[in-house]
């Protein structure tokens, strides 16, 4: 329970004495996404803590929230868990939230890593290689809250009742590198994570789409700590053009782009270098 009375749900895996990593889930994921992490962290002492963003899973909705307010929730959870310093890892839709932590609480972070992370979308050119439906949703959210909510209410219904169709839609559009890692077990984990995201309604994920689509409430140019970015050039979910724009905007940034990686393959195939940037040697 947070000081303002909201519940903040989270999941945790790994060694309670291991290096703490706050994992920020994708869109429209949830804390259950951490079930994908053991192969990535195999052989390393780790403690992964994955909070549900407001309105997702076990976390209460917060009206009028911003991306830049997220570090406040993270700090409260860290204090309750007795953690002084920790790394943050933002995957896909969790990317902006890792960047917000790099901007607002750098003194508490050991590292800030973004993998296939959503970027700012003011430049339409950055969205050219994105799935047309995702691109349409972002553009719509930037223009109308009502229509964005209506669209995601329909999407939430699909996620609840026809999750296999969502996965089939993804599989048809991602590159071979992604299809190789999207095994039946991984697909089932994604289904469970998606369904958990909307189990209490669509407002949390719909709010995220609106926040992604509009100017963020913090300046990337004000990030003072080093940030690591990883993108796959074949990614049709979060195109690498978004990562290149982030690279230009963040003063102390180390960005890597991988020609033969997609959205899902990047985390596993580039495991070692990502682990190094998280602090594992």
C-alpha atoms as a PDB file:
ATOM      1  CA  UNK A   1       0.000   0.000   0.000  1.00  0.00           C
ATOM      2  CA  UNK A   2       1.354   3.416  -0.974  1.00  0.00           C
ATOM      3  CA  UNK A   3       1.142   6.542   1.158  1.00  0.00           C
ATOM      4  CA  UNK A   4      -1.733   7.921  -0.906  1.00  0.00           C
ATOM      5  CA  UNK A   5      -3.759   4.753  -0.211  1.00  0.00           C
ATOM      6  CA  UNK A   6      -3.280   3.092  -3.594  1.00  0.00           C
ATOM      7  CA  UNK A   7      -2.343  -0.542  -3.921  1.00  0.00           C
ATOM      8  CA  UNK A   8       0.808  -1.235  -5.943  1.00  0.00           C
ATOM      9  CA  UNK A   9       0.992  -4.846  -7.015  1.00  0.00           C
ATOM     10  CA  UNK A  10       4.302  -6.463  -7.857  1.00  0.00           C
ATOM     11  CA  UNK A  11       5.865  -9.813  -8.598  1.00  0.00           C
ATOM     12  CA  UNK A  12       9.293 -11.038  -7.595  1.00  0.00           C
ATOM     13  CA  UNK A  13      11.603 -13.837  -8.670  1.00  0.00           C
ATOM     14  CA  UNK A  14      15.192 -14.831  -7.999  1.00  0.00           C
ATOM     15  CA  UNK A  15      17.570 -14.720  -5.057  1.00  0.00           C
ATOM     16  CA  UNK A  16      16.341 -12.440  -2.229  1.00  0.00           C
ATOM     17  CA  UNK A  17      20.000 -11.569  -1.580  1.00  0.00           C
ATOM     18  CA  UNK A  18      20.842 -11.016  -5.242  1.00  0.00           C
ATOM     19  CA  UNK A  19      21.354  -7.811  -7.166  1.00  0.00           C
ATOM     20  CA  UNK A  20      17.998  -5.972  -7.242  1.00  0.00           C
ATOM     21  CA  UNK A  21      16.524  -5.061 -10.612  1.00  0.00           C
ATOM     22  CA  UNK A  22      13.223  -3.273 -11.021  1.00  0.00           C
ATOM     23  CA  UNK A  23      11.673  -4.625 -14.198  1.00  0.00           C
ATOM     24  CA  UNK A  24       9.113  -2.412 -15.956  1.00  0.00           C
ATOM     25  CA  UNK A  25       6.781  -4.525 -18.054  1.00  0.00           C
ATOM     26  CA  UNK A  26       5.761  -3.982 -21.643  1.00  0.00           C
ATOM     27  CA  UNK A  27       2.441  -2.911 -23.100  1.00  0.00           C
ATOM     28  CA  UNK A  28      -0.138  -4.218 -22.324  1.00  0.00           C
ATOM     29  CA  UNK A  29       1.774  -6.523 -20.011  1.00  0.00           C
ATOM     30  CA  UNK A  30       1.908  -6.942 -16.256  1.00  0.00           C
ATOM     31  CA  UNK A  31       4.112  -8.212 -13.445  1.00  0.00           C
ATOM     32  CA  UNK A  32       3.529 -11.764 -14.756  1.00  0.00           C
ATOM     33  CA  UNK A  33       5.927 -10.948 -17.588  1.00  0.00           C
ATOM     34  CA  UNK A  34       8.839 -11.749 -15.274  1.00  0.00           C
ATOM     35  CA  UNK A  35       8.165 -15.434 -15.923  1.00  0.00           C
ATOM     36  CA  UNK A  36      10.160 -14.786 -19.119  1.00  0.00           C
ATOM     37  CA  UNK A  37      13.248 -13.659 -17.214  1.00  0.00           C
ATOM     38  CA  UNK A  38      14.929 -16.840 -15.821  1.00  0.00           C
ATOM     39  CA  UNK A  39      16.555 -17.868 -19.164  1.00  0.00           C
ATOM     40  CA  UNK A  40      17.867 -14.323 -19.521  1.00  0.00           C
ATOM     41  CA  UNK A  41      19.401 -14.224 -16.047  1.00  0.00           C
ATOM     42  CA  UNK A  42      20.452 -17.871 -15.826  1.00  0.00           C
ATOM     43  CA  UNK A  43      23.633 -18.343 -13.872  1.00  0.00           C
ATOM     44  CA  UNK A  44      23.608 -14.897 -12.251  1.00  0.00           C
ATOM     45  CA  UNK A  45      22.484 -13.940  -8.729  1.00  0.00           C
ATOM     46  CA  UNK A  46      19.491 -11.707  -9.216  1.00  0.00           C
ATOM     47  CA  UNK A  47      16.368 -10.386  -7.568  1.00  0.00           C
ATOM     48  CA  UNK A  48      13.846  -9.106 -10.093  1.00  0.00           C
ATOM     49  CA  UNK A  49      10.971  -6.964  -8.809  1.00  0.00           C
ATOM     50  CA  UNK A  50       8.233  -6.226 -11.339  1.00  0.00           C
ATOM     51  CA  UNK A  51       5.551  -3.711 -10.315  1.00  0.00           C
ATOM     52  CA  UNK A  52       2.246  -3.396 -12.164  1.00  0.00           C
ATOM     53  CA  UNK A  53       1.777   0.159 -13.414  1.00  0.00           C
ATOM     54  CA  UNK A  54      -1.334   1.999 -12.138  1.00  0.00           C
ATOM     55  CA  UNK A  55      -4.495   0.428 -13.519  1.00  0.00           C
ATOM     56  CA  UNK A  56      -2.760  -2.817 -14.507  1.00  0.00           C
ATOM     57  CA  UNK A  57      -3.136  -6.142 -12.721  1.00  0.00           C
ATOM     58  CA  UNK A  58      -3.066  -5.668  -8.942  1.00  0.00           C
ATOM     59  CA  UNK A  59      -2.291  -1.931  -9.018  1.00  0.00           C
ATOM     60  CA  UNK A  60      -5.024   0.658  -8.500  1.00  0.00           C
ATOM     61  CA  UNK A  61      -5.778   3.101 -11.267  1.00  0.00           C
ATOM     62  CA  UNK A  62      -4.479   6.643 -10.785  1.00  0.00           C
ATOM     63  CA  UNK A  63      -6.323   9.382 -12.632  1.00  0.00           C
ATOM     64  CA  UNK A  64      -4.260  12.064 -14.371  1.00  0.00           C
ATOM     65  CA  UNK A  65      -0.988  10.300 -13.694  1.00  0.00           C
ATOM     66  CA  UNK A  66       2.117  11.043 -15.738  1.00  0.00           C
ATOM     67  CA  UNK A  67       5.169   9.034 -16.760  1.00  0.00           C
ATOM     68  CA  UNK A  68       7.354  11.332 -14.690  1.00  0.00           C
ATOM     69  CA  UNK A  69       5.465  10.444 -11.497  1.00  0.00           C
ATOM     70  CA  UNK A  70       6.360   6.760 -11.747  1.00  0.00           C
ATOM     71  CA  UNK A  71       9.689   7.093  -9.883  1.00  0.00           C
ATOM     72  CA  UNK A  72       7.730   8.148  -6.783  1.00  0.00           C
ATOM     73  CA  UNK A  73       5.932   4.785  -6.741  1.00  0.00           C
ATOM     74  CA  UNK A  74       9.202   2.957  -7.400  1.00  0.00           C
ATOM     75  CA  UNK A  75      10.907   4.705  -4.480  1.00  0.00           C
ATOM     76  CA  UNK A  76       8.070   3.878  -2.098  1.00  0.00           C
ATOM     77  CA  UNK A  77       8.238   0.220  -3.078  1.00  0.00           C
ATOM     78  CA  UNK A  78      12.041   0.208  -2.774  1.00  0.00           C
ATOM     79  CA  UNK A  79      11.779   1.676   0.712  1.00  0.00           C
ATOM     80  CA  UNK A  80       9.222  -0.937   1.765  1.00  0.00           C
ATOM     81  CA  UNK A  81      11.539  -3.657   0.468  1.00  0.00           C
ATOM     82  CA  UNK A  82      14.572  -2.134   2.179  1.00  0.00           C
ATOM     83  CA  UNK A  83      16.466  -1.417  -1.036  1.00  0.00           C
ATOM     84  CA  UNK A  84      18.858   1.514  -1.108  1.00  0.00           C
ATOM     85  CA  UNK A  85      20.121   1.137  -4.674  1.00  0.00           C
ATOM     86  CA  UNK A  86      18.901  -0.898  -7.627  1.00  0.00           C
ATOM     87  CA  UNK A  87      18.974  -1.180 -11.411  1.00  0.00           C
ATOM     88  CA  UNK A  88      16.014  -0.457 -13.675  1.00  0.00           C
ATOM     89  CA  UNK A  89      15.234  -2.402 -16.839  1.00  0.00           C
ATOM     90  CA  UNK A  90      12.446  -1.124 -19.091  1.00  0.00           C
ATOM     91  CA  UNK A  91      11.260  -3.460 -21.823  1.00  0.00           C
ATOM     92  CA  UNK A  92       9.123  -2.153 -24.700  1.00  0.00           C
ATOM     93  CA  UNK A  93       6.309  -0.087 -23.140  1.00  0.00           C
ATOM     94  CA  UNK A  94       8.287   0.004 -19.884  1.00  0.00           C
ATOM     95  CA  UNK A  95      11.100   1.941 -21.561  1.00  0.00           C
ATOM     96  CA  UNK A  96       9.759   5.463 -20.868  1.00  0.00           C
ATOM     97  CA  UNK A  97       9.349   4.559 -17.189  1.00  0.00           C
ATOM     98  CA  UNK A  98      12.988   3.487 -16.912  1.00  0.00           C
ATOM     99  CA  UNK A  99      13.979   6.798 -18.504  1.00  0.00           C
ATOM    100  CA  UNK A 100      11.806   8.680 -16.014  1.00  0.00           C
ATOM    101  CA  UNK A 101      13.717   6.971 -13.189  1.00  0.00           C
ATOM    102  CA  UNK A 102      17.038   7.906 -14.812  1.00  0.00           C
ATOM    103  CA  UNK A 103      15.868  11.521 -14.854  1.00  0.00           C
ATOM    104  CA  UNK A 104      14.254  11.729 -11.401  1.00  0.00           C
ATOM    105  CA  UNK A 105      16.139   9.302  -9.119  1.00  0.00           C
ATOM    106  CA  UNK A 106      19.635   8.744 -10.599  1.00  0.00           C
ATOM    107  CA  UNK A 107      21.168   8.749  -7.103  1.00  0.00           C
ATOM    108  CA  UNK A 108      19.293   5.526  -6.322  1.00  0.00           C
ATOM    109  CA  UNK A 109      20.136   3.697  -9.547  1.00  0.00           C
ATOM    110  CA  UNK A 110      23.081   1.433 -10.275  1.00  0.00           C
ATOM    111  CA  UNK A 111      22.144   1.359 -13.973  1.00  0.00           C
ATOM    112  CA  UNK A 112      19.308   2.224 -16.352  1.00  0.00           C
ATOM    113  CA  UNK A 113      18.734  -0.063 -19.331  1.00  0.00           C
ATOM    114  CA  UNK A 114      16.058   0.151 -22.014  1.00  0.00           C
ATOM    115  CA  UNK A 115      15.443  -2.790 -24.357  1.00  0.00           C
ATOM    116  CA  UNK A 116      13.182  -2.266 -27.392  1.00  0.00           C
ATOM    117  CA  UNK A 117      11.740   0.667 -25.483  1.00  0.00           C
ATOM    118  CA  UNK A 118       8.938   2.949 -26.599  1.00  0.00           C
ATOM    119  CA  UNK A 119      10.181   6.427 -27.498  1.00  0.00           C
ATOM    120  CA  UNK A 120       8.672   9.840 -28.086  1.00  0.00           C
ATOM    121  CA  UNK A 121       6.426   9.918 -31.147  1.00  0.00           C
ATOM    122  CA  UNK A 122       6.150  13.608 -32.065  1.00  0.00           C
ATOM    123  CA  UNK A 123       8.030  12.875 -35.284  1.00  0.00           C
ATOM    124  CA  UNK A 124       5.684  10.765 -37.499  1.00  0.00           C
ATOM    125  CA  UNK A 125       8.683   9.413 -39.390  1.00  0.00           C
ATOM    126  CA  UNK A 126       9.713   7.357 -36.377  1.00  0.00           C
ATOM    127  CA  UNK A 127       6.524   5.283 -36.705  1.00  0.00           C
ATOM    128  CA  UNK A 128       6.788   4.378 -40.391  1.00  0.00           C
ATOM    129  CA  UNK A 129       7.906   0.780 -39.774  1.00  0.00           C
ATOM    130  CA  UNK A 130       5.508   0.129 -36.868  1.00  0.00           C
ATOM    131  CA  UNK A 131       2.523  -2.254 -37.195  1.00  0.00           C
ATOM    132  CA  UNK A 132      -0.233  -0.182 -38.797  1.00  0.00           C
ATOM    133  CA  UNK A 133      -2.675  -0.964 -35.951  1.00  0.00           C
ATOM    134  CA  UNK A 134      -0.193   0.139 -33.265  1.00  0.00           C
ATOM    135  CA  UNK A 135       0.623   3.249 -35.281  1.00  0.00           C
ATOM    136  CA  UNK A 136      -3.081   4.029 -35.705  1.00  0.00           C
ATOM    137  CA  UNK A 137      -3.688   3.637 -31.969  1.00  0.00           C
ATOM    138  CA  UNK A 138      -0.882   6.035 -31.060  1.00  0.00           C
ATOM    139  CA  UNK A 139      -1.960   8.643 -33.578  1.00  0.00           C
ATOM    140  CA  UNK A 140      -5.583   8.368 -32.421  1.00  0.00           C
ATOM    141  CA  UNK A 141      -4.591   8.643 -28.754  1.00  0.00           C
ATOM    142  CA  UNK A 142      -2.694  11.828 -29.515  1.00  0.00           C
ATOM    143  CA  UNK A 143      -5.838  13.398 -30.906  1.00  0.00           C
ATOM    144  CA  UNK A 144      -8.752  12.052 -28.835  1.00  0.00           C
ATOM    145  CA  UNK A 145      -8.955  10.494 -25.381  1.00  0.00           C
ATOM    146  CA  UNK A 146     -12.507   9.320 -26.061  1.00  0.00           C
ATOM    147  CA  UNK A 147     -11.663   7.451 -29.242  1.00  0.00           C
ATOM    148  CA  UNK A 148      -8.500   6.039 -27.696  1.00  0.00           C
ATOM    149  CA  UNK A 149     -10.471   4.658 -24.752  1.00  0.00           C
ATOM    150  CA  UNK A 150     -13.089   3.217 -27.084  1.00  0.00           C
ATOM    151  CA  UNK A 151     -10.431   1.495 -29.183  1.00  0.00           C
ATOM    152  CA  UNK A 152      -8.679   0.001 -26.194  1.00  0.00           C
ATOM    153  CA  UNK A 153     -11.957  -1.131 -24.615  1.00  0.00           C
ATOM    154  CA  UNK A 154     -12.435  -3.246 -27.752  1.00  0.00           C
ATOM    155  CA  UNK A 155      -8.829  -4.436 -27.587  1.00  0.00           C
ATOM    156  CA  UNK A 156      -9.292  -5.435 -23.935  1.00  0.00           C
ATOM    157  CA  UNK A 157     -12.298  -7.547 -24.892  1.00  0.00           C
ATOM    158  CA  UNK A 158     -10.188  -9.334 -27.497  1.00  0.00           C
ATOM    159  CA  UNK A 159      -7.421  -9.903 -24.945  1.00  0.00           C
ATOM    160  CA  UNK A 160      -9.847 -11.369 -22.398  1.00  0.00           C
ATOM    161  CA  UNK A 161     -11.758 -13.665 -24.722  1.00  0.00           C
ATOM    162  CA  UNK A 162      -9.582 -14.291 -27.785  1.00  0.00           C
ATOM    163  CA  UNK A 163      -5.942 -14.000 -26.653  1.00  0.00           C
ATOM    164  CA  UNK A 164      -4.786 -16.630 -29.135  1.00  0.00           C
ATOM    165  CA  UNK A 165      -5.901 -14.362 -31.974  1.00  0.00           C
ATOM    166  CA  UNK A 166      -3.729 -11.563 -30.552  1.00  0.00           C
ATOM    167  CA  UNK A 167      -0.715 -13.890 -30.470  1.00  0.00           C
ATOM    168  CA  UNK A 168      -1.463 -15.133 -34.000  1.00  0.00           C
ATOM    169  CA  UNK A 169      -1.620 -11.521 -35.194  1.00  0.00           C
ATOM    170  CA  UNK A 170       1.806 -10.872 -33.662  1.00  0.00           C
ATOM    171  CA  UNK A 171       3.360 -14.046 -35.066  1.00  0.00           C
ATOM    172  CA  UNK A 172       2.319 -13.163 -38.606  1.00  0.00           C
ATOM    173  CA  UNK A 173       4.017  -9.782 -38.458  1.00  0.00           C
ATOM    174  CA  UNK A 174       7.257 -10.272 -36.557  1.00  0.00           C
ATOM    175  CA  UNK A 175      10.523 -11.398 -38.207  1.00  0.00           C
ATOM    176  CA  UNK A 176      11.904 -14.918 -38.124  1.00  0.00           C
ATOM    177  CA  UNK A 177      14.237 -14.004 -35.247  1.00  0.00           C
ATOM    178  CA  UNK A 178      11.177 -13.295 -33.078  1.00  0.00           C
ATOM    179  CA  UNK A 179       9.187 -16.319 -34.168  1.00  0.00           C
ATOM    180  CA  UNK A 180      12.120 -18.509 -33.159  1.00  0.00           C
ATOM    181  CA  UNK A 181      11.950 -17.364 -29.516  1.00  0.00           C
ATOM    182  CA  UNK A 182       8.144 -17.194 -29.306  1.00  0.00           C
ATOM    183  CA  UNK A 183       7.758 -20.818 -28.226  1.00  0.00           C
ATOM    184  CA  UNK A 184       4.441 -22.177 -26.957  1.00  0.00           C
ATOM    185  CA  UNK A 185       5.567 -21.581 -23.358  1.00  0.00           C
ATOM    186  CA  UNK A 186       6.507 -17.978 -24.110  1.00  0.00           C
ATOM    187  CA  UNK A 187       3.226 -17.427 -25.926  1.00  0.00           C
ATOM    188  CA  UNK A 188       1.315 -18.745 -22.899  1.00  0.00           C
ATOM    189  CA  UNK A 189       3.235 -16.428 -20.575  1.00  0.00           C
ATOM    190  CA  UNK A 190       2.393 -13.462 -22.809  1.00  0.00           C
ATOM    191  CA  UNK A 191      -1.281 -14.433 -22.851  1.00  0.00           C
ATOM    192  CA  UNK A 192      -1.370 -14.625 -19.060  1.00  0.00           C
ATOM    193  CA  UNK A 193       0.435 -11.296 -18.757  1.00  0.00           C
ATOM    194  CA  UNK A 194      -1.883  -9.577 -21.255  1.00  0.00           C
ATOM    195  CA  UNK A 195      -5.001 -10.910 -19.552  1.00  0.00           C
ATOM    196  CA  UNK A 196      -3.731  -9.866 -16.136  1.00  0.00           C
ATOM    197  CA  UNK A 197      -3.170  -6.348 -17.491  1.00  0.00           C
ATOM    198  CA  UNK A 198      -6.878  -5.888 -18.231  1.00  0.00           C
ATOM    199  CA  UNK A 199      -8.464  -8.031 -15.559  1.00  0.00           C
ATOM    200  CA  UNK A 200      -9.800  -4.938 -13.755  1.00  0.00           C
ATOM    201  CA  UNK A 201     -10.650  -2.972 -16.891  1.00  0.00           C
ATOM    202  CA  UNK A 202      -8.947  -1.199 -19.739  1.00  0.00           C
ATOM    203  CA  UNK A 203      -8.229   2.184 -18.141  1.00  0.00           C
ATOM    204  CA  UNK A 204      -4.610   1.541 -17.137  1.00  0.00           C
ATOM    205  CA  UNK A 205      -3.366   0.377 -20.535  1.00  0.00           C
ATOM    206  CA  UNK A 206      -5.526   2.969 -22.341  1.00  0.00           C
ATOM    207  CA  UNK A 207      -3.940   5.648 -20.174  1.00  0.00           C
ATOM    208  CA  UNK A 208      -0.487   4.398 -21.180  1.00  0.00           C
ATOM    209  CA  UNK A 209      -1.293   4.749 -24.890  1.00  0.00           C
ATOM    210  CA  UNK A 210      -2.317   8.361 -24.312  1.00  0.00           C
ATOM    211  CA  UNK A 211       0.855   9.065 -22.322  1.00  0.00           C
ATOM    212  CA  UNK A 212       3.064   7.469 -24.978  1.00  0.00           C
ATOM    213  CA  UNK A 213       1.415   9.504 -27.728  1.00  0.00           C
ATOM    214  CA  UNK A 214       1.860  12.938 -26.157  1.00  0.00           C
ATOM    215  CA  UNK A 215       4.838  14.980 -24.928  1.00  0.00           C
ATOM    216  CA  UNK A 216       6.286  13.445 -21.777  1.00  0.00           C
ATOM    217  CA  UNK A 217       6.425  15.484 -18.576  1.00  0.00           C
ATOM    218  CA  UNK A 218      10.222  15.376 -18.253  1.00  0.00           C
ATOM    219  CA  UNK A 219      13.034  16.374 -20.593  1.00  0.00           C
ATOM    220  CA  UNK A 220      15.338  13.699 -21.918  1.00  0.00           C
ATOM    221  CA  UNK A 221      18.021  16.380 -22.198  1.00  0.00           C
ATOM    222  CA  UNK A 222      17.967  16.674 -18.395  1.00  0.00           C
ATOM    223  CA  UNK A 223      18.971  13.040 -17.791  1.00  0.00           C
ATOM    224  CA  UNK A 224      22.405  13.210 -16.176  1.00  0.00           C
ATOM    225  CA  UNK A 225      23.274   9.535 -15.684  1.00  0.00           C
ATOM    226  CA  UNK A 226      24.426   7.147 -18.381  1.00  0.00           C
ATOM    227  CA  UNK A 227      21.601   5.234 -20.054  1.00  0.00           C
ATOM    228  CA  UNK A 228      21.932   2.122 -22.195  1.00  0.00           C
ATOM    229  CA  UNK A 229      19.589   1.559 -25.148  1.00  0.00           C
ATOM    230  CA  UNK A 230      19.181  -1.673 -27.134  1.00  0.00           C
ATOM    231  CA  UNK A 231      17.109  -1.978 -30.319  1.00  0.00           C
ATOM    232  CA  UNK A 232      16.561  -4.525 -33.065  1.00  0.00           C
ATOM    233  CA  UNK A 233      16.561  -3.166 -36.601  1.00  0.00           C
ATOM    234  CA  UNK A 234      13.899  -5.714 -37.625  1.00  0.00           C
ATOM    235  CA  UNK A 235      11.489  -4.726 -34.845  1.00  0.00           C
ATOM    236  CA  UNK A 236       8.012  -3.834 -36.214  1.00  0.00           C
ATOM    237  CA  UNK A 237       6.492  -3.256 -32.755  1.00  0.00           C
ATOM    238  CA  UNK A 238       8.882  -0.541 -31.540  1.00  0.00           C
ATOM    239  CA  UNK A 239      10.885   0.509 -34.614  1.00  0.00           C
ATOM    240  CA  UNK A 240      14.556   1.281 -34.121  1.00  0.00           C
ATOM    241  CA  UNK A 241      13.900   4.832 -35.390  1.00  0.00           C
ATOM    242  CA  UNK A 242      12.385   5.570 -31.981  1.00  0.00           C
ATOM    243  CA  UNK A 243      15.631   4.429 -30.359  1.00  0.00           C
ATOM    244  CA  UNK A 244      17.694   6.615 -32.671  1.00  0.00           C
ATOM    245  CA  UNK A 245      15.650   9.628 -31.657  1.00  0.00           C
ATOM    246  CA  UNK A 246      16.231   8.798 -27.982  1.00  0.00           C
ATOM    247  CA  UNK A 247      19.937   8.435 -28.679  1.00  0.00           C
ATOM    248  CA  UNK A 248      20.038  11.987 -30.040  1.00  0.00           C
ATOM    249  CA  UNK A 249      18.039  13.388 -27.101  1.00  0.00           C
ATOM    250  CA  UNK A 250      19.770  11.797 -24.087  1.00  0.00           C
ATOM    251  CA  UNK A 251      23.135  13.490 -23.323  1.00  0.00           C
ATOM    252  CA  UNK A 252      24.944  10.504 -21.815  1.00  0.00           C
ATOM    253  CA  UNK A 253      23.668   7.596 -23.813  1.00  0.00           C
ATOM    254  CA  UNK A 254      25.133   4.358 -25.089  1.00  0.00           C
ATOM    255  CA  UNK A 255      22.901   2.964 -27.846  1.00  0.00           C
ATOM    256  CA  UNK A 256      23.280  -0.304 -29.732  1.00  0.00           C
ATOM    257  CA  UNK A 257      21.305  -1.385 -32.793  1.00  0.00           C
ATOM    258  CA  UNK A 258      21.295  -4.992 -33.983  1.00  0.00           C
ATOM    259  CA  UNK A 259      20.529  -5.613 -37.684  1.00  0.00           C
ATOM    260  CA  UNK A 260      19.128  -9.136 -37.317  1.00  0.00           C
ATOM    261  CA  UNK A 261      17.118  -8.760 -34.118  1.00  0.00           C
ATOM    262  CA  UNK A 262      13.405  -8.177 -33.629  1.00  0.00           C
ATOM    263  CA  UNK A 263      11.300  -7.152 -30.657  1.00  0.00           C
ATOM    264  CA  UNK A 264      11.334 -10.380 -28.648  1.00  0.00           C
ATOM    265  CA  UNK A 265      14.625 -11.921 -29.760  1.00  0.00           C
ATOM    266  CA  UNK A 266      16.827  -9.049 -28.640  1.00  0.00           C
ATOM    267  CA  UNK A 267      16.655  -9.719 -24.897  1.00  0.00           C
ATOM    268  CA  UNK A 268      17.782 -13.340 -25.212  1.00  0.00           C
ATOM    269  CA  UNK A 269      20.148 -13.141 -28.164  1.00  0.00           C
ATOM    270  CA  UNK A 270      22.045 -10.152 -26.758  1.00  0.00           C
ATOM    271  CA  UNK A 271      21.795 -11.426 -23.208  1.00  0.00           C
ATOM    272  CA  UNK A 272      25.438 -11.089 -22.237  1.00  0.00           C
ATOM    273  CA  UNK A 273      25.945  -7.477 -23.231  1.00  0.00           C
ATOM    274  CA  UNK A 274      22.643  -6.416 -21.645  1.00  0.00           C
ATOM    275  CA  UNK A 275      23.593  -8.202 -18.425  1.00  0.00           C
ATOM    276  CA  UNK A 276      26.923  -6.397 -18.400  1.00  0.00           C
ATOM    277  CA  UNK A 277      25.178  -3.034 -18.621  1.00  0.00           C
ATOM    278  CA  UNK A 278      22.883  -4.054 -15.763  1.00  0.00           C
ATOM    279  CA  UNK A 279      25.984  -4.610 -13.676  1.00  0.00           C
ATOM    280  CA  UNK A 280      26.647  -8.350 -13.985  1.00  0.00           C
ATOM    281  CA  UNK A 281      30.205  -9.300 -14.905  1.00  0.00           C
END
